[in-house]
Amino acid sequence: MPRDDHEPLSDERRELDEHVTTSRRCVGERITDLCGALEVSRERLAESTGIG
């Protein structure tokens, strides 16, 4: 159910929103790190095998 944006958030809801935002940021950063590592691994494999 949509919330009226003019309705103040409870402290508990505000803390939950902050936690979710922080968690999403951490997950996004981790995905970026993993994608970078995967790209480096792919490049090293291509160099070592002469494929790619």
Protein backbone atom coordinates (compact mmCIF):
# COMPACT_ATOMS: atom_id res chain seq x y z
CA MET A 1 0.00 0.00 0.00
CA PRO A 2 1.53 3.37 -0.98
CA ARG A 3 2.49 5.61 1.88
CA ASP A 4 1.61 9.30 2.00
CA ASP A 5 5.01 11.01 1.63
CA HIS A 6 3.83 13.76 3.94
CA GLU A 7 3.27 11.30 6.75
CA PRO A 8 6.26 11.30 9.13
CA LEU A 9 8.17 8.05 9.46
CA SER A 10 8.40 6.32 12.80
CA ASP A 11 11.88 6.01 14.29
CA GLU A 12 11.75 2.25 13.75
CA ARG A 13 10.82 2.67 10.09
CA ARG A 14 13.51 5.30 9.58
CA GLU A 15 16.14 2.97 11.07
CA LEU A 16 14.92 0.12 8.87
CA ASP A 17 15.05 2.34 5.75
CA GLU A 18 18.61 3.40 6.62
CA HIS A 19 19.63 -0.22 7.16
CA VAL A 20 18.13 -1.30 3.83
CA THR A 21 19.83 1.58 2.01
CA THR A 22 23.20 0.72 3.59
CA SER A 23 22.75 -2.98 2.81
CA ARG A 24 21.90 -2.25 -0.82
CA ARG A 25 24.96 -0.03 -1.14
CA CYS A 26 27.20 -2.75 0.34
CA VAL A 27 25.73 -5.40 -1.97
CA GLY A 28 26.21 -3.12 -4.97
CA GLU A 29 29.83 -2.47 -4.02
CA ARG A 30 30.46 -6.19 -3.55
CA ILE A 31 28.93 -7.01 -6.95
CA THR A 32 31.14 -4.35 -8.54
CA ASP A 33 34.21 -5.86 -6.83
CA LEU A 34 33.31 -9.37 -7.98
CA CYS A 35 32.70 -8.23 -11.56
CA GLY A 36 36.10 -6.53 -11.58
CA ALA A 37 37.79 -9.66 -10.26
CA LEU A 38 36.00 -11.78 -12.85
CA GLU A 39 37.16 -9.49 -15.65
CA VAL A 40 40.78 -9.68 -14.43
CA SER A 41 40.53 -13.48 -14.22
CA ARG A 42 39.09 -13.65 -17.73
CA GLU A 43 41.91 -11.47 -19.07
CA ARG A 44 44.57 -13.59 -17.34
CA LEU A 45 43.02 -16.79 -18.67
CA ALA A 46 42.92 -15.35 -22.19
CA GLU A 47 46.57 -14.31 -21.93
CA SER A 48 47.73 -17.67 -20.57
CA THR A 49 45.83 -19.76 -23.11
CA GLY A 50 46.11 -17.45 -26.09
CA ILE A 51 42.31 -17.54 -26.42
CA GLY A 52 40.26 -14.39 -26.43
